[in-house]
């Protein structure tokens, strides 16, 4: 009898998009928690930032493996929307 393969547990951390009102640039940060009080702008170092919305992307399991978001629906890779 063949052994059943166990898939390793993967922890995914969300990517948050921010807008800096000091320099006007947008940037992304990977954070372990929703606490964004310690985030500073990656361009100018300012704390004058606000969290904005961004396109959602995820991986979908299929019978043959993991399929990138949008690959099955014909959606655009840039926006993540169909």
PDB file of N, CA and C in Angstrom:
ATOM      1  N   UNK A   1       0.844  -1.187   0.000  1.00  0.00           N
ATOM      2  CA  UNK A   1       0.000   0.000   0.000  1.00  0.00           C
ATOM      3  C   UNK A   1       0.889   1.250   0.000  1.00  0.00           C
ATOM      4  N   UNK A   2       0.589   2.180  -0.886  1.00  0.00           N
ATOM      5  CA  UNK A   2       1.383   3.399  -1.017  1.00  0.00           C
ATOM      6  C   UNK A   2       1.101   4.355   0.133  1.00  0.00           C
ATOM      7  N   UNK A   3       2.150   5.038   0.565  1.00  0.00           N
ATOM      8  CA  UNK A   3       1.971   6.034   1.621  1.00  0.00           C
ATOM      9  C   UNK A   3       1.290   7.276   1.064  1.00  0.00           C
ATOM     10  N   UNK A   4       0.434   7.849   1.869  1.00  0.00           N
ATOM     11  CA  UNK A   4      -0.246   9.078   1.474  1.00  0.00           C
ATOM     12  C   UNK A   4       0.704  10.252   1.688  1.00  0.00           C
ATOM     13  N   UNK A   5       0.865  11.078   0.654  1.00  0.00           N
ATOM     14  CA  UNK A   5       1.719  12.250   0.781  1.00  0.00           C
ATOM     15  C   UNK A   5       0.989  13.345   1.529  1.00  0.00           C
ATOM     16  N   UNK A   6       1.685  13.951   2.453  1.00  0.00           N
ATOM     17  CA  UNK A   6       1.113  15.049   3.231  1.00  0.00           C
ATOM     18  C   UNK A   6       1.714  16.340   2.714  1.00  0.00           C
ATOM     19  N   UNK A   7       0.846  17.258   2.302  1.00  0.00           N
ATOM     20  CA  UNK A   7       1.314  18.547   1.797  1.00  0.00           C
ATOM     21  C   UNK A   7       1.727  19.424   2.973  1.00  0.00           C
ATOM     22  N   UNK A   8       2.883  20.081   2.881  1.00  0.00           N
ATOM     23  CA  UNK A   8       3.331  20.939   3.987  1.00  0.00           C
ATOM     24  C   UNK A   8       2.380  22.117   4.203  1.00  0.00           C
ATOM     25  N   UNK A   9       2.286  22.528   5.442  1.00  0.00           N
ATOM     26  CA  UNK A   9       1.443  23.678   5.781  1.00  0.00           C
ATOM     27  C   UNK A   9       2.175  24.942   5.345  1.00  0.00           C
ATOM     28  N   UNK A  10       1.483  25.791   4.617  1.00  0.00           N
ATOM     29  CA  UNK A  10       2.067  27.053   4.164  1.00  0.00           C
ATOM     30  C   UNK A  10       1.333  28.199   4.824  1.00  0.00           C
ATOM     31  N   UNK A  11       2.100  29.096   5.362  1.00  0.00           N
ATOM     32  CA  UNK A  11       1.502  30.293   5.952  1.00  0.00           C
ATOM     33  C   UNK A  11       1.654  31.432   4.958  1.00  0.00           C
ATOM     34  N   UNK A  12       0.545  32.053   4.626  1.00  0.00           N
ATOM     35  CA  UNK A  12       0.561  33.171   3.698  1.00  0.00           C
ATOM     36  C   UNK A  12       0.338  34.452   4.478  1.00  0.00           C
ATOM     37  N   UNK A  13       1.185  35.427   4.224  1.00  0.00           N
ATOM     38  CA  UNK A  13       1.021  36.723   4.863  1.00  0.00           C
ATOM     39  C   UNK A  13       0.450  37.683   3.838  1.00  0.00           C
ATOM     40  N   UNK A  14      -0.521  38.479   4.254  1.00  0.00           N
ATOM     41  CA  UNK A  14      -1.146  39.403   3.306  1.00  0.00           C
ATOM     42  C   UNK A  14      -0.207  40.523   2.878  1.00  0.00           C
ATOM     43  N   UNK A  15      -0.420  40.971   1.650  1.00  0.00           N
ATOM     44  CA  UNK A  15       0.315  42.118   1.119  1.00  0.00           C
ATOM     45  C   UNK A  15      -0.620  43.318   1.178  1.00  0.00           C
ATOM     46  N   UNK A  16      -0.186  44.360   1.840  1.00  0.00           N
ATOM     47  CA  UNK A  16      -0.989  45.577   1.965  1.00  0.00           C
ATOM     48  C   UNK A  16      -0.393  46.660   1.079  1.00  0.00           C
ATOM     49  N   UNK A  17      -1.243  47.444   0.444  1.00  0.00           N
ATOM     50  CA  UNK A  17      -0.801  48.569  -0.396  1.00  0.00           C
ATOM     51  C   UNK A  17      -1.024  49.846   0.398  1.00  0.00           C
ATOM     52  N   UNK A  18      -0.026  50.730   0.337  1.00  0.00           N
ATOM     53  CA  UNK A  18      -0.074  51.997   1.060  1.00  0.00           C
ATOM     54  C   UNK A  18       0.177  53.158   0.111  1.00  0.00           C
ATOM     55  N   UNK A  19      -0.341  54.324   0.500  1.00  0.00           N
ATOM     56  CA  UNK A  19      -0.101  55.574  -0.216  1.00  0.00           C
ATOM     57  C   UNK A  19       0.563  56.538   0.765  1.00  0.00           C
ATOM     58  N   UNK A  20       1.651  57.145   0.340  1.00  0.00           N
ATOM     59  CA  UNK A  20       2.358  58.117   1.176  1.00  0.00           C
ATOM     60  C   UNK A  20       1.930  59.514   0.759  1.00  0.00           C
ATOM     61  N   UNK A  21       1.351  60.256   1.692  1.00  0.00           N
ATOM     62  CA  UNK A  21       0.912  61.616   1.361  1.00  0.00           C
ATOM     63  C   UNK A  21       2.091  62.593   1.351  1.00  0.00           C
ATOM     64  N   UNK A  22       3.219  62.206   1.906  1.00  0.00           N
ATOM     65  CA  UNK A  22       4.383  63.093   1.915  1.00  0.00           C
ATOM     66  C   UNK A  22       5.065  63.133   0.541  1.00  0.00           C
ATOM     67  N   UNK A  23       5.247  61.965  -0.088  1.00  0.00           N
ATOM     68  CA  UNK A  23       5.947  61.943  -1.385  1.00  0.00           C
ATOM     69  C   UNK A  23       5.032  61.555  -2.549  1.00  0.00           C
ATOM     70  N   UNK A  24       3.802  61.120  -2.244  1.00  0.00           N
ATOM     71  CA  UNK A  24       2.832  60.803  -3.288  1.00  0.00           C
ATOM     72  C   UNK A  24       3.013  59.446  -3.959  1.00  0.00           C
ATOM     73  N   UNK A  25       3.849  58.590  -3.398  1.00  0.00           N
ATOM     74  CA  UNK A  25       4.091  57.281  -4.015  1.00  0.00           C
ATOM     75  C   UNK A  25       3.307  56.182  -3.319  1.00  0.00           C
ATOM     76  N   UNK A  26       3.022  55.112  -4.077  1.00  0.00           N
ATOM     77  CA  UNK A  26       2.379  53.929  -3.520  1.00  0.00           C
ATOM     78  C   UNK A  26       3.417  52.828  -3.369  1.00  0.00           C
ATOM     79  N   UNK A  27       3.233  51.996  -2.343  1.00  0.00           N
ATOM     80  CA  UNK A  27       4.150  50.883  -2.121  1.00  0.00           C
ATOM     81  C   UNK A  27       3.407  49.751  -1.431  1.00  0.00           C
ATOM     82  N   UNK A  28       3.979  48.564  -1.510  1.00  0.00           N
ATOM     83  CA  UNK A  28       3.396  47.371  -0.897  1.00  0.00           C
ATOM     84  C   UNK A  28       4.265  46.920   0.267  1.00  0.00           C
ATOM     85  N   UNK A  29       3.615  46.339   1.277  1.00  0.00           N
ATOM     86  CA  UNK A  29       4.318  45.774   2.424  1.00  0.00           C
ATOM     87  C   UNK A  29       3.670  44.435   2.762  1.00  0.00           C
ATOM     88  N   UNK A  30       4.496  43.464   3.093  1.00  0.00           N
ATOM     89  CA  UNK A  30       4.002  42.178   3.589  1.00  0.00           C
ATOM     90  C   UNK A  30       4.035  42.269   5.105  1.00  0.00           C
ATOM     91  N   UNK A  31       2.879  42.066   5.730  1.00  0.00           N
ATOM     92  CA  UNK A  31       2.782  42.197   7.180  1.00  0.00           C
ATOM     93  C   UNK A  31       2.217  40.927   7.797  1.00  0.00           C
ATOM     94  N   UNK A  32       2.709  40.572   8.982  1.00  0.00           N
ATOM     95  CA  UNK A  32       2.201  39.404   9.697  1.00  0.00           C
ATOM     96  C   UNK A  32       0.870  39.702  10.366  1.00  0.00           C
ATOM     97  N   UNK A  33       0.645  40.946  10.725  1.00  0.00           N
ATOM     98  CA  UNK A  33      -0.587  41.331  11.408  1.00  0.00           C
ATOM     99  C   UNK A  33      -1.221  42.511  10.687  1.00  0.00           C
ATOM    100  N   UNK A  34      -2.409  42.875  11.121  1.00  0.00           N
ATOM    101  CA  UNK A  34      -3.097  44.034  10.534  1.00  0.00           C
ATOM    102  C   UNK A  34      -2.614  45.345  11.141  1.00  0.00           C
ATOM    103  N   UNK A  35      -1.717  45.266  12.106  1.00  0.00           N
ATOM    104  CA  UNK A  35      -1.196  46.468  12.751  1.00  0.00           C
ATOM    105  C   UNK A  35      -0.260  47.207  11.802  1.00  0.00           C
ATOM    106  N   UNK A  36      -0.702  48.327  11.324  1.00  0.00           N
ATOM    107  CA  UNK A  36       0.082  49.104  10.354  1.00  0.00           C
ATOM    108  C   UNK A  36       0.659  50.378  10.978  1.00  0.00           C
ATOM    109  N   UNK A  37       0.650  50.477  12.305  1.00  0.00           N
ATOM    110  CA  UNK A  37       1.101  51.706  12.963  1.00  0.00           C
ATOM    111  C   UNK A  37       2.601  51.926  12.834  1.00  0.00           C
ATOM    112  N   UNK A  38       3.370  50.863  12.628  1.00  0.00           N
ATOM    113  CA  UNK A  38       4.824  51.019  12.541  1.00  0.00           C
ATOM    114  C   UNK A  38       5.331  51.077  11.101  1.00  0.00           C
ATOM    115  N   UNK A  39       4.425  51.102  10.131  1.00  0.00           N
ATOM    116  CA  UNK A  39       4.831  51.120   8.724  1.00  0.00           C
ATOM    117  C   UNK A  39       5.269  52.523   8.323  1.00  0.00           C
ATOM    118  N   UNK A  40       6.401  52.585   7.630  1.00  0.00           N
ATOM    119  CA  UNK A  40       6.886  53.849   7.090  1.00  0.00           C
ATOM    120  C   UNK A  40       7.045  53.706   5.582  1.00  0.00           C
ATOM    121  N   UNK A  41       7.036  54.820   4.886  1.00  0.00           N
ATOM    122  CA  UNK A  41       7.173  54.826   3.435  1.00  0.00           C
ATOM    123  C   UNK A  41       8.535  54.252   3.035  1.00  0.00           C
ATOM    124  N   UNK A  42       8.535  53.335   2.076  1.00  0.00           N
ATOM    125  CA  UNK A  42       9.786  52.734   1.628  1.00  0.00           C
ATOM    126  C   UNK A  42      10.610  53.695   0.771  1.00  0.00           C
ATOM    127  N   UNK A  43      10.002  54.787   0.320  1.00  0.00           N
ATOM    128  CA  UNK A  43      10.715  55.749  -0.525  1.00  0.00           C
ATOM    129  C   UNK A  43      11.308  56.906   0.274  1.00  0.00           C
ATOM    130  N   UNK A  44      10.492  57.497   1.160  1.00  0.00           N
ATOM    131  CA  UNK A  44      10.972  58.688   1.869  1.00  0.00           C
ATOM    132  C   UNK A  44      11.062  58.516   3.393  1.00  0.00           C
ATOM    133  N   UNK A  45      10.534  57.405   3.923  1.00  0.00           N
ATOM    134  CA  UNK A  45      10.603  57.156   5.357  1.00  0.00           C
ATOM    135  C   UNK A  45       9.513  57.818   6.181  1.00  0.00           C
ATOM    136  N   UNK A  46       8.601  58.520   5.534  1.00  0.00           N
ATOM    137  CA  UNK A  46       7.532  59.227   6.237  1.00  0.00           C
ATOM    138  C   UNK A  46       6.536  58.253   6.862  1.00  0.00           C
ATOM    139  N   UNK A  47       5.906  58.695   7.955  1.00  0.00           N
ATOM    140  CA  UNK A  47       4.833  57.914   8.573  1.00  0.00           C
ATOM    141  C   UNK A  47       3.465  58.443   8.157  1.00  0.00           C
ATOM    142  N   UNK A  48       3.444  59.409   7.237  1.00  0.00           N
ATOM    143  CA  UNK A  48       2.194  59.976   6.736  1.00  0.00           C
ATOM    144  C   UNK A  48       1.649  59.082   5.621  1.00  0.00           C
ATOM    145  N   UNK A  49       1.195  57.895   6.000  1.00  0.00           N
ATOM    146  CA  UNK A  49       0.726  56.917   5.018  1.00  0.00           C
ATOM    147  C   UNK A  49      -0.696  56.493   5.321  1.00  0.00           C
ATOM    148  N   UNK A  50      -1.363  55.997   4.308  1.00  0.00           N
ATOM    149  CA  UNK A  50      -2.691  55.430   4.498  1.00  0.00           C
ATOM    150  C   UNK A  50      -2.790  54.152   3.677  1.00  0.00           C
ATOM    151  N   UNK A  51      -3.501  53.190   4.227  1.00  0.00           N
ATOM    152  CA  UNK A  51      -3.680  51.928   3.528  1.00  0.00           C
ATOM    153  C   UNK A  51      -4.717  52.106   2.438  1.00  0.00           C
ATOM    154  N   UNK A  52      -4.446  51.569   1.255  1.00  0.00           N
ATOM    155  CA  UNK A  52      -5.380  51.659   0.142  1.00  0.00           C
ATOM    156  C   UNK A  52      -5.801  50.252  -0.265  1.00  0.00           C
ATOM    157  N   UNK A  53      -6.708  50.165  -1.203  1.00  0.00           N
ATOM    158  CA  UNK A  53      -7.144  48.858  -1.681  1.00  0.00           C
ATOM    159  C   UNK A  53      -6.321  48.461  -2.894  1.00  0.00           C
ATOM    160  N   UNK A  54      -6.208  47.175  -3.098  1.00  0.00           N
ATOM    161  CA  UNK A  54      -5.489  46.662  -4.253  1.00  0.00           C
ATOM    162  C   UNK A  54      -6.226  45.443  -4.776  1.00  0.00           C
ATOM    163  N   UNK A  55      -5.874  45.005  -5.967  1.00  0.00           N
ATOM    164  CA  UNK A  55      -6.499  43.828  -6.561  1.00  0.00           C
ATOM    165  C   UNK A  55      -6.158  42.593  -5.727  1.00  0.00           C
ATOM    166  N   UNK A  56      -7.096  41.690  -5.630  1.00  0.00           N
ATOM    167  CA  UNK A  56      -6.912  40.462  -4.864  1.00  0.00           C
ATOM    168  C   UNK A  56      -6.383  39.383  -5.794  1.00  0.00           C
ATOM    169  N   UNK A  57      -5.408  38.639  -5.315  1.00  0.00           N
ATOM    170  CA  UNK A  57      -4.866  37.534  -6.086  1.00  0.00           C
ATOM    171  C   UNK A  57      -4.755  36.323  -5.181  1.00  0.00           C
ATOM    172  N   UNK A  58      -5.014  35.152  -5.725  1.00  0.00           N
ATOM    173  CA  UNK A  58      -4.909  33.942  -4.932  1.00  0.00           C
ATOM    174  C   UNK A  58      -4.579  32.783  -5.844  1.00  0.00           C
ATOM    175  N   UNK A  59      -4.184  31.677  -5.245  1.00  0.00           N
ATOM    176  CA  UNK A  59      -3.906  30.468  -5.996  1.00  0.00           C
ATOM    177  C   UNK A  59      -5.069  29.501  -5.809  1.00  0.00           C
ATOM    178  N   UNK A  60      -5.471  28.861  -6.874  1.00  0.00           N
ATOM    179  CA  UNK A  60      -6.590  27.933  -6.825  1.00  0.00           C
ATOM    180  C   UNK A  60      -6.053  26.534  -7.082  1.00  0.00           C
ATOM    181  N   UNK A  61      -6.399  25.596  -6.199  1.00  0.00           N
ATOM    182  CA  UNK A  61      -5.974  24.229  -6.397  1.00  0.00           C
ATOM    183  C   UNK A  61      -6.866  23.569  -7.436  1.00  0.00           C
ATOM    184  N   UNK A  62      -6.251  22.879  -8.357  1.00  0.00           N
ATOM    185  CA  UNK A  62      -7.008  22.116  -9.343  1.00  0.00           C
ATOM    186  C   UNK A  62      -6.603  20.656  -9.192  1.00  0.00           C
ATOM    187  N   UNK A  63      -7.147  19.794  -9.992  1.00  0.00           N
ATOM    188  CA  UNK A  63      -6.827  18.379  -9.901  1.00  0.00           C
ATOM    189  C   UNK A  63      -5.391  18.071 -10.264  1.00  0.00           C
ATOM    190  N   UNK A  64      -4.748  18.950 -11.023  1.00  0.00           N
ATOM    191  CA  UNK A  64      -3.386  18.679 -11.474  1.00  0.00           C
ATOM    192  C   UNK A  64      -2.336  19.542 -10.787  1.00  0.00           C
ATOM    193  N   UNK A  65      -2.736  20.411  -9.907  1.00  0.00           N
ATOM    194  CA  UNK A  65      -1.756  21.256  -9.228  1.00  0.00           C
ATOM    195  C   UNK A  65      -2.347  22.589  -8.844  1.00  0.00           C
ATOM    196  N   UNK A  66      -1.499  23.559  -8.673  1.00  0.00           N
ATOM    197  CA  UNK A  66      -1.936  24.902  -8.281  1.00  0.00           C
ATOM    198  C   UNK A  66      -1.913  25.796  -9.503  1.00  0.00           C
ATOM    199  N   UNK A  67      -3.013  26.503  -9.715  1.00  0.00           N
ATOM    200  CA  UNK A  67      -3.177  27.347 -10.890  1.00  0.00           C
ATOM    201  C   UNK A  67      -3.170  28.807 -10.444  1.00  0.00           C
ATOM    202  N   UNK A  68      -2.361  29.681 -11.063  1.00  0.00           N
ATOM    203  CA  UNK A  68      -2.354  31.097 -10.695  1.00  0.00           C
ATOM    204  C   UNK A  68      -3.713  31.754 -10.935  1.00  0.00           C
ATOM    205  N   UNK A  69      -4.033  32.739 -10.123  1.00  0.00           N
ATOM    206  CA  UNK A  69      -5.294  33.464 -10.266  1.00  0.00           C
ATOM    207  C   UNK A  69      -5.413  34.045 -11.657  1.00  0.00           C
ATOM    208  N   UNK A  70      -6.590  33.928 -12.262  1.00  0.00           N
ATOM    209  CA  UNK A  70      -6.837  34.490 -13.582  1.00  0.00           C
ATOM    210  C   UNK A  70      -6.501  33.554 -14.718  1.00  0.00           C
ATOM    211  N   UNK A  71      -5.768  32.484 -14.441  1.00  0.00           N
ATOM    212  CA  UNK A  71      -5.342  31.584 -15.509  1.00  0.00           C
ATOM    213  C   UNK A  71      -6.510  30.805 -16.109  1.00  0.00           C
ATOM    214  N   UNK A  72      -7.514  30.515 -15.306  1.00  0.00           N
ATOM    215  CA  UNK A  72      -8.647  29.743 -15.803  1.00  0.00           C
ATOM    216  C   UNK A  72      -9.733  30.628 -16.407  1.00  0.00           C
ATOM    217  N   UNK A  73      -9.799  31.877 -15.975  1.00  0.00           N
ATOM    218  CA  UNK A  73     -10.889  32.743 -16.407  1.00  0.00           C
ATOM    219  C   UNK A  73     -10.516  33.624 -17.594  1.00  0.00           C
ATOM    220  N   UNK A  74      -9.262  33.615 -17.969  1.00  0.00           N
ATOM    221  CA  UNK A  74      -8.805  34.497 -19.043  1.00  0.00           C
ATOM    222  C   UNK A  74      -8.618  35.924 -18.584  1.00  0.00           C
ATOM    223  N   UNK A  75      -8.577  36.130 -17.261  1.00  0.00           N
ATOM    224  CA  UNK A  75      -8.423  37.476 -16.707  1.00  0.00           C
ATOM    225  C   UNK A  75      -7.037  38.021 -16.963  1.00  0.00           C
ATOM    226  N   UNK A  76      -6.920  39.289 -16.835  1.00  0.00           N
ATOM    227  CA  UNK A  76      -5.650  39.975 -17.057  1.00  0.00           C
ATOM    228  C   UNK A  76      -4.701  39.712 -15.899  1.00  0.00           C
ATOM    229  N   UNK A  77      -3.466  39.457 -16.197  1.00  0.00           N
ATOM    230  CA  UNK A  77      -2.456  39.261 -15.159  1.00  0.00           C
ATOM    231  C   UNK A  77      -2.154  40.556 -14.411  1.00  0.00           C
ATOM    232  N   UNK A  78      -2.291  41.675 -15.082  1.00  0.00           N
ATOM    233  CA  UNK A  78      -1.977  42.966 -14.455  1.00  0.00           C
ATOM    234  C   UNK A  78      -2.964  43.318 -13.368  1.00  0.00           C
ATOM    235  N   UNK A  79      -4.245  43.178 -13.643  1.00  0.00           N
ATOM    236  CA  UNK A  79      -5.239  43.637 -12.679  1.00  0.00           C
ATOM    237  C   UNK A  79      -5.755  42.540 -11.782  1.00  0.00           C
ATOM    238  N   UNK A  80      -5.717  41.291 -12.233  1.00  0.00           N
ATOM    239  CA  UNK A  80      -6.282  40.202 -11.457  1.00  0.00           C
ATOM    240  C   UNK A  80      -7.779  40.081 -11.613  1.00  0.00           C
ATOM    241  N   UNK A  81      -8.381  40.942 -12.454  1.00  0.00           N
ATOM    242  CA  UNK A  81      -9.815  40.896 -12.640  1.00  0.00           C
ATOM    243  C   UNK A  81     -10.137  40.253 -13.981  1.00  0.00           C
ATOM    244  N   UNK A  82     -11.283  39.567 -14.047  1.00  0.00           N
ATOM    245  CA  UNK A  82     -11.704  38.939 -15.293  1.00  0.00           C
ATOM    246  C   UNK A  82     -12.407  39.932 -16.186  1.00  0.00           C
TER     247      UNK A  82
END
